[in-house]
Full PDB file with SEQRES, HELIX, SHEET, SSBOND, CRYST1, ORIGX, SCALE, CONECT and MASTER records, all heavy atoms in Angstrom:
SEQRES   1 A   41  ALA ILE ALA GLU ALA ARG ASP LYS GLY ASP LEU SER GLU          
SEQRES   2 A   41  ASN ALA GLU TYR ASP ALA ALA LYS GLU ALA GLN GLY MET          
SEQRES   3 A   41  LEU GLU MET LYS ILE ASN GLN LEU LYS LYS VAL ILE SER          
SEQRES   4 A   41  GLU ALA                                                      
HELIX    1 AA1 ILE A    2  ARG A    6  1                                   5    
HELIX    2 AA2 LEU A   11  GLU A   13  5                                   3    
HELIX    3 AA3 ALA A   15  GLU A   40  1                                  26    
CRYST1    1.000    1.000    1.000  90.00  90.00  90.00 P 1           1          
ORIGX1      1.000000  0.000000  0.000000        0.00000                         
ORIGX2      0.000000  1.000000  0.000000        0.00000                         
ORIGX3      0.000000  0.000000  1.000000        0.00000                         
SCALE1      1.000000  0.000000  0.000000        0.00000                         
SCALE2      0.000000  1.000000  0.000000        0.00000                         
SCALE3      0.000000  0.000000  1.000000        0.00000                         
ATOM      1  N   ALA A   1       5.279   5.976  -4.943  1.00  0.00           N  
ATOM      2  CA  ALA A   1       6.048   6.094  -3.692  1.00  0.00           C  
ATOM      3  C   ALA A   1       6.844   4.825  -3.424  1.00  0.00           C  
ATOM      4  O   ALA A   1       7.990   4.877  -2.958  1.00  0.00           O  
ATOM      5  CB  ALA A   1       5.113   6.402  -2.526  1.00  0.00           C  
ATOM      6  N   ILE A   2       6.252   3.660  -3.722  1.00  0.00           N  
ATOM      7  CA  ILE A   2       6.961   2.387  -3.534  1.00  0.00           C  
ATOM      8  C   ILE A   2       8.155   2.308  -4.472  1.00  0.00           C  
ATOM      9  O   ILE A   2       9.263   1.934  -4.070  1.00  0.00           O  
ATOM     10  CB  ILE A   2       6.013   1.189  -3.753  1.00  0.00           C  
ATOM     11  CG1 ILE A   2       4.989   1.115  -2.611  1.00  0.00           C  
ATOM     12  CG2 ILE A   2       6.789  -0.125  -3.858  1.00  0.00           C  
ATOM     13  CD1 ILE A   2       3.876   0.109  -2.840  1.00  0.00           C  
ATOM     14  N   ALA A   3       7.948   2.695  -5.733  1.00  0.00           N  
ATOM     15  CA  ALA A   3       9.043   2.661  -6.714  1.00  0.00           C  
ATOM     16  C   ALA A   3      10.172   3.603  -6.308  1.00  0.00           C  
ATOM     17  O   ALA A   3      11.357   3.254  -6.404  1.00  0.00           O  
ATOM     18  CB  ALA A   3       8.516   3.027  -8.095  1.00  0.00           C  
ATOM     19  N   GLU A   4       9.805   4.779  -5.821  1.00  0.00           N  
ATOM     20  CA  GLU A   4      10.812   5.759  -5.401  1.00  0.00           C  
ATOM     21  C   GLU A   4      11.602   5.236  -4.201  1.00  0.00           C  
ATOM     22  O   GLU A   4      12.833   5.359  -4.146  1.00  0.00           O  
ATOM     23  CB  GLU A   4      10.104   7.064  -5.031  1.00  0.00           C  
ATOM     24  CG  GLU A   4      11.040   8.223  -4.768  1.00  0.00           C  
ATOM     25  CD  GLU A   4      10.281   9.506  -4.473  1.00  0.00           C  
ATOM     26  OE1 GLU A   4       9.354   9.842  -5.235  1.00  0.00           O  
ATOM     27  OE2 GLU A   4      10.620  10.155  -3.467  1.00  0.00           O  
ATOM     28  N   ALA A   5      10.910   4.632  -3.246  1.00  0.00           N  
ATOM     29  CA  ALA A   5      11.586   4.094  -2.060  1.00  0.00           C  
ATOM     30  C   ALA A   5      12.478   2.914  -2.443  1.00  0.00           C  
ATOM     31  O   ALA A   5      13.570   2.754  -1.897  1.00  0.00           O  
ATOM     32  CB  ALA A   5      10.552   3.667  -1.023  1.00  0.00           C  
ATOM     33  N   ARG A   6      12.022   2.096  -3.395  1.00  0.00           N  
ATOM     34  CA  ARG A   6      12.801   0.939  -3.838  1.00  0.00           C  
ATOM     35  C   ARG A   6      14.113   1.394  -4.491  1.00  0.00           C  
ATOM     36  O   ARG A   6      15.154   0.746  -4.341  1.00  0.00           O  
ATOM     37  CB  ARG A   6      11.970   0.118  -4.837  1.00  0.00           C  
ATOM     38  CG  ARG A   6      12.598  -1.226  -5.155  1.00  0.00           C  
ATOM     39  CD  ARG A   6      11.781  -2.047  -6.136  1.00  0.00           C  
ATOM     40  NE  ARG A   6      10.472  -2.385  -5.605  1.00  0.00           N  
ATOM     41  CZ  ARG A   6       9.317  -2.185  -6.253  1.00  0.00           C  
ATOM     42  NH1 ARG A   6       9.313  -1.649  -7.444  1.00  0.00           N  
ATOM     43  NH2 ARG A   6       8.171  -2.524  -5.705  1.00  0.00           N  
ATOM     44  N   ASP A   7      14.055   2.522  -5.209  1.00  0.00           N  
ATOM     45  CA  ASP A   7      15.246   3.043  -5.889  1.00  0.00           C  
ATOM     46  C   ASP A   7      16.317   3.533  -4.918  1.00  0.00           C  
ATOM     47  O   ASP A   7      17.461   3.717  -5.306  1.00  0.00           O  
ATOM     48  CB  ASP A   7      14.866   4.199  -6.829  1.00  0.00           C  
ATOM     49  CG  ASP A   7      14.074   3.718  -8.037  1.00  0.00           C  
ATOM     50  OD1 ASP A   7      14.097   2.500  -8.323  1.00  0.00           O  
ATOM     51  OD2 ASP A   7      13.420   4.572  -8.680  1.00  0.00           O  
ATOM     52  N   LYS A   8      15.949   3.714  -3.657  1.00  0.00           N  
ATOM     53  CA  LYS A   8      16.897   4.246  -2.672  1.00  0.00           C  
ATOM     54  C   LYS A   8      17.801   3.169  -2.089  1.00  0.00           C  
ATOM     55  O   LYS A   8      18.610   3.446  -1.222  1.00  0.00           O  
ATOM     56  CB  LYS A   8      16.160   4.981  -1.562  1.00  0.00           C  
ATOM     57  CG  LYS A   8      15.520   6.256  -2.077  1.00  0.00           C  
ATOM     58  CD  LYS A   8      14.889   7.051  -0.988  1.00  0.00           C  
ATOM     59  CE  LYS A   8      14.313   8.327  -1.600  1.00  0.00           C  
ATOM     60  NZ  LYS A   8      13.577   9.105  -0.641  1.00  0.00           N  
ATOM     61  N   GLY A   9      17.611   1.924  -2.522  1.00  0.00           N  
ATOM     62  CA  GLY A   9      18.556   0.906  -2.082  1.00  0.00           C  
ATOM     63  C   GLY A   9      17.983  -0.147  -1.173  1.00  0.00           C  
ATOM     64  O   GLY A   9      16.866  -0.595  -1.348  1.00  0.00           O  
ATOM     65  N   ASP A  10      18.770  -0.551  -0.187  1.00  0.00           N  
ATOM     66  CA  ASP A  10      18.505  -1.668   0.716  1.00  0.00           C  
ATOM     67  C   ASP A  10      17.091  -1.607   1.307  1.00  0.00           C  
ATOM     68  O   ASP A  10      16.765  -0.734   2.103  1.00  0.00           O  
ATOM     69  CB  ASP A  10      19.555  -1.657   1.836  1.00  0.00           C  
ATOM     70  CG  ASP A  10      19.422  -2.850   2.761  1.00  0.00           C  
ATOM     71  OD1 ASP A  10      18.676  -3.798   2.413  1.00  0.00           O  
ATOM     72  OD2 ASP A  10      20.068  -2.847   3.821  1.00  0.00           O  
ATOM     73  N   LEU A  11      16.245  -2.560   0.930  1.00  0.00           N  
ATOM     74  CA  LEU A  11      14.857  -2.568   1.371  1.00  0.00           C  
ATOM     75  C   LEU A  11      14.699  -3.033   2.814  1.00  0.00           C  
ATOM     76  O   LEU A  11      13.710  -2.726   3.464  1.00  0.00           O  
ATOM     77  CB  LEU A  11      14.009  -3.466   0.456  1.00  0.00           C  
ATOM     78  CG  LEU A  11      13.926  -3.020  -1.007  1.00  0.00           C  
ATOM     79  CD1 LEU A  11      13.042  -3.991  -1.785  1.00  0.00           C  
ATOM     80  CD2 LEU A  11      13.386  -1.614  -1.125  1.00  0.00           C  
ATOM     81  N   SER A  12      15.681  -3.761   3.337  1.00  0.00           N  
ATOM     82  CA  SER A  12      15.560  -4.287   4.697  1.00  0.00           C  
ATOM     83  C   SER A  12      15.603  -3.183   5.753  1.00  0.00           C  
ATOM     84  O   SER A  12      15.079  -3.352   6.846  1.00  0.00           O  
ATOM     85  CB  SER A  12      16.642  -5.328   4.975  1.00  0.00           C  
ATOM     86  OG  SER A  12      17.913  -4.711   4.937  1.00  0.00           O  
ATOM     87  N   GLU A  13      16.217  -2.047   5.442  1.00  0.00           N  
ATOM     88  CA  GLU A  13      16.305  -0.948   6.404  1.00  0.00           C  
ATOM     89  C   GLU A  13      15.697   0.323   5.843  1.00  0.00           C  
ATOM     90  O   GLU A  13      16.066   1.422   6.232  1.00  0.00           O  
ATOM     91  CB  GLU A  13      17.771  -0.698   6.774  1.00  0.00           C  
ATOM     92  CG  GLU A  13      18.393  -1.857   7.515  1.00  0.00           C  
ATOM     93  CD  GLU A  13      19.842  -1.593   7.883  1.00  0.00           C  
ATOM     94  OE1 GLU A  13      20.279  -0.444   7.794  1.00  0.00           O  
ATOM     95  OE2 GLU A  13      20.519  -2.558   8.266  1.00  0.00           O  
ATOM     96  N   ASN A  14      14.734   0.187   4.941  1.00  0.00           N  
ATOM     97  CA  ASN A  14      14.153   1.345   4.279  1.00  0.00           C  
ATOM     98  C   ASN A  14      12.756   1.612   4.856  1.00  0.00           C  
ATOM     99  O   ASN A  14      11.777   0.982   4.476  1.00  0.00           O  
ATOM    100  CB  ASN A  14      14.095   1.077   2.767  1.00  0.00           C  
ATOM    101  CG  ASN A  14      13.716   2.295   1.969  1.00  0.00           C  
ATOM    102  OD1 ASN A  14      13.011   3.168   2.458  1.00  0.00           O  
ATOM    103  ND2 ASN A  14      14.170   2.339   0.733  1.00  0.00           N  
ATOM    104  N   ALA A  15      12.672   2.586   5.759  1.00  0.00           N  
ATOM    105  CA  ALA A  15      11.399   2.904   6.413  1.00  0.00           C  
ATOM    106  C   ALA A  15      10.382   3.467   5.424  1.00  0.00           C  
ATOM    107  O   ALA A  15       9.181   3.211   5.551  1.00  0.00           O  
ATOM    108  CB  ALA A  15      11.635   3.899   7.542  1.00  0.00           C  
ATOM    109  N   GLU A  16      10.863   4.214   4.436  1.00  0.00           N  
ATOM    110  CA  GLU A  16       9.945   4.768   3.427  1.00  0.00           C  
ATOM    111  C   GLU A  16       9.254   3.650   2.653  1.00  0.00           C  
ATOM    112  O   GLU A  16       8.061   3.713   2.379  1.00  0.00           O  
ATOM    113  CB  GLU A  16      10.698   5.660   2.438  1.00  0.00           C  
ATOM    114  CG  GLU A  16      11.030   7.033   2.957  1.00  0.00           C  
ATOM    115  CD  GLU A  16      11.767   7.856   1.918  1.00  0.00           C  
ATOM    116  OE1 GLU A  16      11.263   7.976   0.780  1.00  0.00           O  
ATOM    117  OE2 GLU A  16      12.843   8.377   2.246  1.00  0.00           O  
ATOM    118  N   TYR A  17      10.011   2.630   2.311  1.00  0.00           N  
ATOM    119  CA  TYR A  17       9.461   1.499   1.570  1.00  0.00           C  
ATOM    120  C   TYR A  17       8.417   0.767   2.423  1.00  0.00           C  
ATOM    121  O   TYR A  17       7.325   0.469   1.958  1.00  0.00           O  
ATOM    122  CB  TYR A  17      10.590   0.541   1.161  1.00  0.00           C  
ATOM    123  CG  TYR A  17      10.110  -0.681   0.416  1.00  0.00           C  
ATOM    124  CD1 TYR A  17       9.776  -0.604  -0.930  1.00  0.00           C  
ATOM    125  CD2 TYR A  17       9.985  -1.907   1.063  1.00  0.00           C  
ATOM    126  CE1 TYR A  17       9.325  -1.725  -1.620  1.00  0.00           C  
ATOM    127  CE2 TYR A  17       9.539  -3.037   0.387  1.00  0.00           C  
ATOM    128  CZ  TYR A  17       9.214  -2.937  -0.955  1.00  0.00           C  
ATOM    129  OH  TYR A  17       8.762  -4.035  -1.641  1.00  0.00           O  
ATOM    130  N   ASP A  18       8.752   0.526   3.698  1.00  0.00           N  
ATOM    131  CA  ASP A  18       7.811  -0.151   4.593  1.00  0.00           C  
ATOM    132  C   ASP A  18       6.527   0.645   4.746  1.00  0.00           C  
ATOM    133  O   ASP A  18       5.424   0.095   4.712  1.00  0.00           O  
ATOM    134  CB  ASP A  18       8.450  -0.377   5.973  1.00  0.00           C  
ATOM    135  CG  ASP A  18       9.589  -1.393   5.931  1.00  0.00           C  
ATOM    136  OD1 ASP A  18       9.640  -2.181   4.962  1.00  0.00           O  
ATOM    137  OD2 ASP A  18      10.417  -1.394   6.860  1.00  0.00           O  
ATOM    138  N   ALA A  19       6.657   1.972   4.905  1.00  0.00           N  
ATOM    139  CA  ALA A  19       5.475   2.830   5.070  1.00  0.00           C  
ATOM    140  C   ALA A  19       4.626   2.824   3.803  1.00  0.00           C  
ATOM    141  O   ALA A  19       3.392   2.754   3.870  1.00  0.00           O  
ATOM    142  CB  ALA A  19       5.903   4.253   5.414  1.00  0.00           C  
ATOM    143  N   ALA A  20       5.272   2.879   2.642  1.00  0.00           N  
ATOM    144  CA  ALA A  20       4.538   2.882   1.376  1.00  0.00           C  
ATOM    145  C   ALA A  20       3.818   1.551   1.158  1.00  0.00           C  
ATOM    146  O   ALA A  20       2.668   1.519   0.692  1.00  0.00           O  
ATOM    147  CB  ALA A  20       5.481   3.182   0.216  1.00  0.00           C  
ATOM    148  N   LYS A  21       4.473   0.446   1.499  1.00  0.00           N  
ATOM    149  CA  LYS A  21       3.836  -0.874   1.365  1.00  0.00           C  
ATOM    150  C   LYS A  21       2.642  -0.998   2.319  1.00  0.00           C  
ATOM    151  O   LYS A  21       1.606  -1.560   1.958  1.00  0.00           O  
ATOM    152  CB  LYS A  21       4.842  -1.999   1.633  1.00  0.00           C  
ATOM    153  CG  LYS A  21       5.867  -2.219   0.538  1.00  0.00           C  
ATOM    154  CD  LYS A  21       5.254  -2.590  -0.787  1.00  0.00           C  
ATOM    155  CE  LYS A  21       4.926  -4.050  -0.857  1.00  0.00           C  
ATOM    156  NZ  LYS A  21       4.401  -4.462  -2.165  1.00  0.00           N  
ATOM    157  N   GLU A  22       2.797  -0.457   3.537  1.00  0.00           N  
ATOM    158  CA  GLU A  22       1.691  -0.502   4.502  1.00  0.00           C  
ATOM    159  C   GLU A  22       0.521   0.351   3.998  1.00  0.00           C  
ATOM    160  O   GLU A  22      -0.639  -0.054   4.092  1.00  0.00           O  
ATOM    161  CB  GLU A  22       2.159  -0.004   5.872  1.00  0.00           C  
ATOM    162  CG  GLU A  22       1.083  -0.159   6.932  1.00  0.00           C  
ATOM    163  CD  GLU A  22       1.585   0.174   8.325  1.00  0.00           C  
ATOM    164  OE1 GLU A  22       2.769  -0.050   8.629  1.00  0.00           O  
ATOM    165  OE2 GLU A  22       0.750   0.650   9.107  1.00  0.00           O  
ATOM    166  N   ALA A  23       0.830   1.524   3.449  1.00  0.00           N  
ATOM    167  CA  ALA A  23      -0.217   2.395   2.899  1.00  0.00           C  
ATOM    168  C   ALA A  23      -0.926   1.707   1.739  1.00  0.00           C  
ATOM    169  O   ALA A  23      -2.149   1.810   1.594  1.00  0.00           O  
ATOM    170  CB  ALA A  23       0.389   3.728   2.445  1.00  0.00           C  
ATOM    171  N   GLN A  24      -0.166   0.973   0.933  1.00  0.00           N  
ATOM    172  CA  GLN A  24      -0.754   0.238  -0.181  1.00  0.00           C  
ATOM    173  C   GLN A  24      -1.719  -0.837   0.335  1.00  0.00           C  
ATOM    174  O   GLN A  24      -2.826  -0.992  -0.182  1.00  0.00           O  
ATOM    175  CB  GLN A  24       0.342  -0.409  -1.040  1.00  0.00           C  
ATOM    176  CG  GLN A  24      -0.224  -1.166  -2.233  1.00  0.00           C  
ATOM    177  CD  GLN A  24       0.848  -1.902  -3.014  1.00  0.00           C  
ATOM    178  OE1 GLN A  24       1.803  -2.423  -2.433  1.00  0.00           O  
ATOM    179  NE2 GLN A  24       0.695  -1.931  -4.318  1.00  0.00           N  
ATOM    180  N   GLY A  25      -1.312  -1.548   1.352  1.00  0.00           N  
ATOM    181  CA  GLY A  25      -2.176  -2.577   1.935  1.00  0.00           C  
ATOM    182  C   GLY A  25      -3.462  -1.991   2.496  1.00  0.00           C  
ATOM    183  O   GLY A  25      -4.550  -2.546   2.301  1.00  0.00           O  
ATOM    184  N   MET A  26      -3.358  -0.857   3.183  1.00  0.00           N  
ATOM    185  CA  MET A  26      -4.537  -0.192   3.745  1.00  0.00           C  
ATOM    186  C   MET A  26      -5.477   0.276   2.635  1.00  0.00           C  
ATOM    187  O   MET A  26      -6.695   0.111   2.732  1.00  0.00           O  
ATOM    188  CB  MET A  26      -4.120   1.001   4.623  1.00  0.00           C  
ATOM    189  CG  MET A  26      -3.347   0.610   5.859  1.00  0.00           C  
ATOM    190  SD  MET A  26      -4.304  -0.386   7.009  1.00  0.00           S  
ATOM    191  CE  MET A  26      -5.402   0.848   7.647  1.00  0.00           C  
ATOM    192  N   LEU A  27      -4.904   0.859   1.577  1.00  0.00           N  
ATOM    193  CA  LEU A  27      -5.727   1.339   0.463  1.00  0.00           C  
ATOM    194  C   LEU A  27      -6.448   0.186  -0.225  1.00  0.00           C  
ATOM    195  O   LEU A  27      -7.641   0.272  -0.520  1.00  0.00           O  
ATOM    196  CB  LEU A  27      -4.873   2.114  -0.550  1.00  0.00           C  
ATOM    197  CG  LEU A  27      -5.642   2.631  -1.773  1.00  0.00           C  
ATOM    198  CD1 LEU A  27      -6.679   3.673  -1.354  1.00  0.00           C  
ATOM    199  CD2 LEU A  27      -4.691   3.210  -2.793  1.00  0.00           C  
ATOM    200  N   GLU A  28      -5.727  -0.901  -0.464  1.00  0.00           N  
ATOM    201  CA  GLU A  28      -6.350  -2.054  -1.119  1.00  0.00           C  
ATOM    202  C   GLU A  28      -7.475  -2.628  -0.257  1.00  0.00           C  
ATOM    203  O   GLU A  28      -8.511  -3.051  -0.775  1.00  0.00           O  
ATOM    204  CB  GLU A  28      -5.312  -3.133  -1.438  1.00  0.00           C  
ATOM    205  CG  GLU A  28      -4.308  -2.727  -2.508  1.00  0.00           C  
ATOM    206  CD  GLU A  28      -4.943  -2.339  -3.838  1.00  0.00           C  
ATOM    207  OE1 GLU A  28      -5.964  -2.940  -4.234  1.00  0.00           O  
ATOM    208  OE2 GLU A  28      -4.417  -1.414  -4.489  1.00  0.00           O  
ATOM    209  N   MET A  29      -7.293  -2.605   1.071  1.00  0.00           N  
ATOM    210  CA  MET A  29      -8.343  -3.076   1.966  1.00  0.00           C  
ATOM    211  C   MET A  29      -9.580  -2.168   1.858  1.00  0.00           C  
ATOM    212  O   MET A  29     -10.713  -2.648   1.763  1.00  0.00           O  
ATOM    213  CB  MET A  29      -7.836  -3.091   3.413  1.00  0.00           C  
ATOM    214  CG  MET A  29      -8.838  -3.645   4.399  1.00  0.00           C  
ATOM    215  SD  MET A  29      -8.212  -3.677   6.094  1.00  0.00           S  
ATOM    216  CE  MET A  29      -8.197  -1.936   6.485  1.00  0.00           C  
ATOM    217  N   LYS A  30      -9.360  -0.835   1.838  1.00  0.00           N  
ATOM    218  CA  LYS A  30     -10.472   0.108   1.702  1.00  0.00           C  
ATOM    219  C   LYS A  30     -11.197  -0.091   0.367  1.00  0.00           C  
ATOM    220  O   LYS A  30     -12.427  -0.059   0.308  1.00  0.00           O  
ATOM    221  CB  LYS A  30      -9.969   1.555   1.782  1.00  0.00           C  
ATOM    222  CG  LYS A  30      -9.615   2.013   3.156  1.00  0.00           C  
ATOM    223  CD  LYS A  30      -9.148   3.461   3.089  1.00  0.00           C  
ATOM    224  CE  LYS A  30      -8.614   3.949   4.398  1.00  0.00           C  
ATOM    225  NZ  LYS A  30      -8.068   5.313   4.299  1.00  0.00           N  
ATOM    226  N   ILE A  31     -10.425  -0.285  -0.698  1.00  0.00           N  
ATOM    227  CA  ILE A  31     -11.018  -0.498  -2.032  1.00  0.00           C  
ATOM    228  C   ILE A  31     -11.883  -1.752  -2.020  1.00  0.00           C  
ATOM    229  O   ILE A  31     -13.010  -1.742  -2.527  1.00  0.00           O  
ATOM    230  CB  ILE A  31      -9.918  -0.557  -3.117  1.00  0.00           C  
ATOM    231  CG1 ILE A  31      -9.328   0.838  -3.351  1.00  0.00           C  
ATOM    232  CG2 ILE A  31     -10.466  -1.147  -4.420  1.00  0.00           C  
ATOM    233  CD1 ILE A  31      -8.109   0.865  -4.250  1.00  0.00           C  
ATOM    234  N   ASN A  32     -11.367  -2.822  -1.441  1.00  0.00           N  
ATOM    235  CA  ASN A  32     -12.132  -4.076  -1.399  1.00  0.00           C  
ATOM    236  C   ASN A  32     -13.402  -3.941  -0.567  1.00  0.00           C  
ATOM    237  O   ASN A  32     -14.455  -4.467  -0.946  1.00  0.00           O  
ATOM    238  CB  ASN A  32     -11.262  -5.228  -0.877  1.00  0.00           C  
ATOM    239  CG  ASN A  32     -10.239  -5.657  -1.899  1.00  0.00           C  
ATOM    240  OD1 ASN A  32     -10.422  -5.501  -3.097  1.00  0.00           O  
ATOM    241  ND2 ASN A  32      -9.122  -6.188  -1.421  1.00  0.00           N  
ATOM    242  N   GLN A  33     -13.322  -3.236   0.559  1.00  0.00           N  
ATOM    243  CA  GLN A  33     -14.508  -3.018   1.392  1.00  0.00           C  
ATOM    244  C   GLN A  33     -15.547  -2.190   0.636  1.00  0.00           C  
ATOM    245  O   GLN A  33     -16.740  -2.492   0.674  1.00  0.00           O  
ATOM    246  CB  GLN A  33     -14.134  -2.311   2.698  1.00  0.00           C  
ATOM    247  CG  GLN A  33     -13.422  -3.189   3.685  1.00  0.00           C  
ATOM    248  CD  GLN A  33     -12.941  -2.430   4.914  1.00  0.00           C  
ATOM    249  OE1 GLN A  33     -12.750  -1.215   4.886  1.00  0.00           O  
ATOM    250  NE2 GLN A  33     -12.727  -3.163   6.000  1.00  0.00           N  
ATOM    251  N   LEU A  34     -15.098  -1.166  -0.053  1.00  0.00           N  
ATOM    252  CA  LEU A  34     -15.997  -0.308  -0.819  1.00  0.00           C  
ATOM    253  C   LEU A  34     -16.657  -1.077  -1.956  1.00  0.00           C  
ATOM    254  O   LEU A  34     -17.858  -0.936  -2.197  1.00  0.00           O  
ATOM    255  CB  LEU A  34     -15.218   0.898  -1.351  1.00  0.00           C  
ATOM    256  CG  LEU A  34     -15.997   2.108  -1.802  1.00  0.00           C  
ATOM    257  CD1 LEU A  34     -16.998   2.557  -0.761  1.00  0.00           C  
ATOM    258  CD2 LEU A  34     -15.047   3.248  -2.130  1.00  0.00           C  
ATOM    259  N   LYS A  35     -15.884  -1.914  -2.632  1.00  0.00           N  
ATOM    260  CA  LYS A  35     -16.446  -2.737  -3.712  1.00  0.00           C  
ATOM    261  C   LYS A  35     -17.521  -3.676  -3.171  1.00  0.00           C  
ATOM    262  O   LYS A  35     -18.541  -3.903  -3.817  1.00  0.00           O  
ATOM    263  CB  LYS A  35     -15.350  -3.545  -4.412  1.00  0.00           C  
ATOM    264  CG  LYS A  35     -14.525  -2.722  -5.381  1.00  0.00           C  
ATOM    265  CD  LYS A  35     -13.495  -3.584  -6.076  1.00  0.00           C  
ATOM    266  CE  LYS A  35     -12.727  -2.790  -7.114  1.00  0.00           C  
ATOM    267  NZ  LYS A  35     -11.734  -3.615  -7.811  1.00  0.00           N  
ATOM    268  N   LYS A  36     -17.297  -4.209  -1.969  1.00  0.00           N  
ATOM    269  CA  LYS A  36     -18.286  -5.108  -1.361  1.00  0.00           C  
ATOM    270  C   LYS A  36     -19.575  -4.357  -1.052  1.00  0.00           C  
ATOM    271  O   LYS A  36     -20.676  -4.830  -1.353  1.00  0.00           O  
ATOM    272  CB  LYS A  36     -17.715  -5.738  -0.091  1.00  0.00           C  
ATOM    273  CG  LYS A  36     -18.640  -6.741   0.571  1.00  0.00           C  
ATOM    274  CD  LYS A  36     -17.970  -7.404   1.760  1.00  0.00           C  
ATOM    275  CE  LYS A  36     -18.791  -8.546   2.283  1.00  0.00           C  
ATOM    276  NZ  LYS A  36     -19.649  -8.228   3.378  1.00  0.00           N  
ATOM    277  N   VAL A  37     -19.447  -3.162  -0.462  1.00  0.00           N  
ATOM    278  CA  VAL A  37     -20.629  -2.350  -0.150  1.00  0.00           C  
ATOM    279  C   VAL A  37     -21.394  -2.011  -1.426  1.00  0.00           C  
ATOM    280  O   VAL A  37     -22.616  -2.138  -1.485  1.00  0.00           O  
ATOM    281  CB  VAL A  37     -20.221  -1.047   0.598  1.00  0.00           C  
ATOM    282  CG1 VAL A  37     -21.381  -0.075   0.683  1.00  0.00           C  
ATOM    283  CG2 VAL A  37     -19.701  -1.375   1.991  1.00  0.00           C  
ATOM    284  N   ILE A  38     -20.667  -1.622  -2.467  1.00  0.00           N  
ATOM    285  CA  ILE A  38     -21.300  -1.260  -3.741  1.00  0.00           C  
ATOM    286  C   ILE A  38     -21.998  -2.469  -4.357  1.00  0.00           C  
ATOM    287  O   ILE A  38     -23.121  -2.364  -4.861  1.00  0.00           O  
ATOM    288  CB  ILE A  38     -20.255  -0.653  -4.714  1.00  0.00           C  
ATOM    289  CG1 ILE A  38     -19.845   0.741  -4.207  1.00  0.00           C  
ATOM    290  CG2 ILE A  38     -20.792  -0.587  -6.137  1.00  0.00           C  
ATOM    291  CD1 ILE A  38     -18.642   1.328  -4.910  1.00  0.00           C  
ATOM    292  N   SER A  39     -21.356  -3.631  -4.299  1.00  0.00           N  
ATOM    293  CA  SER A  39     -21.949  -4.826  -4.916  1.00  0.00           C  
ATOM    294  C   SER A  39     -23.217  -5.273  -4.191  1.00  0.00           C  
ATOM    295  O   SER A  39     -24.105  -5.874  -4.795  1.00  0.00           O  
ATOM    296  CB  SER A  39     -20.937  -5.974  -4.962  1.00  0.00           C  
ATOM    297  OG  SER A  39     -20.720  -6.496  -3.671  1.00  0.00           O  
ATOM    298  N   GLU A  40     -23.321  -4.970  -2.898  1.00  0.00           N  
ATOM    299  CA  GLU A  40     -24.484  -5.383  -2.118  1.00  0.00           C  
ATOM    300  C   GLU A  40     -25.545  -4.284  -2.014  1.00  0.00           C  
ATOM    301  O   GLU A  40     -26.601  -4.494  -1.438  1.00  0.00           O  
ATOM    302  CB  GLU A  40     -24.046  -5.797  -0.711  1.00  0.00           C  
ATOM    303  CG  GLU A  40     -23.175  -7.033  -0.705  1.00  0.00           C  
ATOM    304  CD  GLU A  40     -22.600  -7.362   0.667  1.00  0.00           C  
ATOM    305  OE1 GLU A  40     -22.755  -6.559   1.614  1.00  0.00           O  
ATOM    306  OE2 GLU A  40     -21.984  -8.435   0.788  1.00  0.00           O  
ATOM    307  N   ALA A  41     -25.255  -3.116  -2.586  1.00  0.00           N  
ATOM    308  CA  ALA A  41     -26.161  -1.972  -2.452  1.00  0.00           C  
ATOM    309  C   ALA A  41     -27.446  -2.180  -3.239  1.00  0.00           C  
ATOM    310  O   ALA A  41     -27.452  -2.754  -4.331  1.00  0.00           O  
ATOM    311  CB  ALA A  41     -25.460  -0.703  -2.936  1.00  0.00           C  
TER     312      ALA A  41                                                      
MASTER        0    0    0    3    0    0    0    6  311    1    0    4          
END                                                                             
């Protein structure tokens, strides 16, 4: 989704790109939290 949004041009006014980057950040946070729970289980 990030690659597709990037291909659409100007990133400064690209809401799709911003949303995809935010979703990526949220997912990475969830992955890190899950890894922590698993490592301490």
